[in-house]
Amino acid sequence: MEQEPSLRHELPGIADSIARSYQQDERTRHISATPLPSREEVIKILE
């Protein structure tokens, strides 16, 4: 079986991009009344 390449080294950059996108538009900072996850939480989710 062919092994998929690990994207683990890309996670910090992906998390940074997601976090920056939150800051660019106030409408994306919350889902309903709940704040979106922090950079650290995004990394945990992606792992």
C-alpha atoms as a PDB file:
ATOM      1  CA  MET A   1       0.000   0.000   0.000  1.00  0.00           C
ATOM      2  CA  GLU A   2       1.372   3.410  -0.947  1.00  0.00           C
ATOM      3  CA  GLN A   3       1.983   5.687   2.036  1.00  0.00           C
ATOM      4  CA  GLU A   4       0.510   9.202   1.940  1.00  0.00           C
ATOM      5  CA  PRO A   5       2.981  12.035   2.588  1.00  0.00           C
ATOM      6  CA  SER A   6       2.708  13.612   6.025  1.00  0.00           C
ATOM      7  CA  LEU A   7       1.342  17.139   6.101  1.00  0.00           C
ATOM      8  CA  ARG A   8       2.261  17.594   9.771  1.00  0.00           C
ATOM      9  CA  HIS A   9       5.040  20.088   8.924  1.00  0.00           C
ATOM     10  CA  GLU A  10       2.466  22.261   7.108  1.00  0.00           C
ATOM     11  CA  LEU A  11       0.024  22.517  10.046  1.00  0.00           C
ATOM     12  CA  PRO A  12       1.499  25.681  11.632  1.00  0.00           C
ATOM     13  CA  GLY A  13       1.237  27.562   8.326  1.00  0.00           C
ATOM     14  CA  ILE A  14      -2.309  26.327   7.746  1.00  0.00           C
ATOM     15  CA  ALA A  15      -3.301  27.353  11.285  1.00  0.00           C
ATOM     16  CA  ASP A  16      -1.732  30.800  10.792  1.00  0.00           C
ATOM     17  CA  SER A  17      -3.658  31.292   7.552  1.00  0.00           C
ATOM     18  CA  ILE A  18      -6.928  30.336   9.213  1.00  0.00           C
ATOM     19  CA  ALA A  19      -6.239  32.615  12.204  1.00  0.00           C
ATOM     20  CA  ARG A  20      -5.344  35.554   9.904  1.00  0.00           C
ATOM     21  CA  SER A  21      -8.561  35.057   7.967  1.00  0.00           C
ATOM     22  CA  TYR A  22     -10.532  35.456  11.231  1.00  0.00           C
ATOM     23  CA  GLN A  23      -8.917  38.838  11.834  1.00  0.00           C
ATOM     24  CA  GLN A  24      -9.595  40.178   8.339  1.00  0.00           C
ATOM     25  CA  ASP A  25     -13.381  40.239   8.693  1.00  0.00           C
ATOM     26  CA  GLU A  26     -15.297  40.655  11.968  1.00  0.00           C
ATOM     27  CA  ARG A  27     -18.114  38.469  10.655  1.00  0.00           C
ATOM     28  CA  THR A  28     -15.810  35.432  10.732  1.00  0.00           C
ATOM     29  CA  ARG A  29     -14.754  35.803  14.359  1.00  0.00           C
ATOM     30  CA  HIS A  30     -17.860  34.105  15.734  1.00  0.00           C
ATOM     31  CA  ILE A  31     -20.255  31.365  14.795  1.00  0.00           C
ATOM     32  CA  SER A  32     -23.465  32.475  16.450  1.00  0.00           C
ATOM     33  CA  ALA A  33     -22.365  33.662  19.893  1.00  0.00           C
ATOM     34  CA  THR A  34     -19.423  31.251  20.098  1.00  0.00           C
ATOM     35  CA  PRO A  35     -15.905  32.541  19.305  1.00  0.00           C
ATOM     36  CA  LEU A  36     -13.917  30.574  16.741  1.00  0.00           C
ATOM     37  CA  PRO A  37     -11.001  28.431  17.975  1.00  0.00           C
ATOM     38  CA  SER A  38      -7.545  29.822  18.692  1.00  0.00           C
ATOM     39  CA  ARG A  39      -4.479  29.032  16.570  1.00  0.00           C
ATOM     40  CA  GLU A  40      -3.506  26.293  19.022  1.00  0.00           C
ATOM     41  CA  GLU A  41      -6.951  24.708  18.818  1.00  0.00           C
ATOM     42  CA  VAL A  42      -6.862  24.824  15.015  1.00  0.00           C
ATOM     43  CA  ILE A  43      -3.554  22.904  15.075  1.00  0.00           C
ATOM     44  CA  LYS A  44      -5.071  20.282  17.406  1.00  0.00           C
ATOM     45  CA  ILE A  45      -8.093  19.919  15.112  1.00  0.00           C
ATOM     46  CA  LEU A  46      -5.914  19.502  12.017  1.00  0.00           C
ATOM     47  CA  GLU A  47      -3.665  16.916  13.684  1.00  0.00           C
END
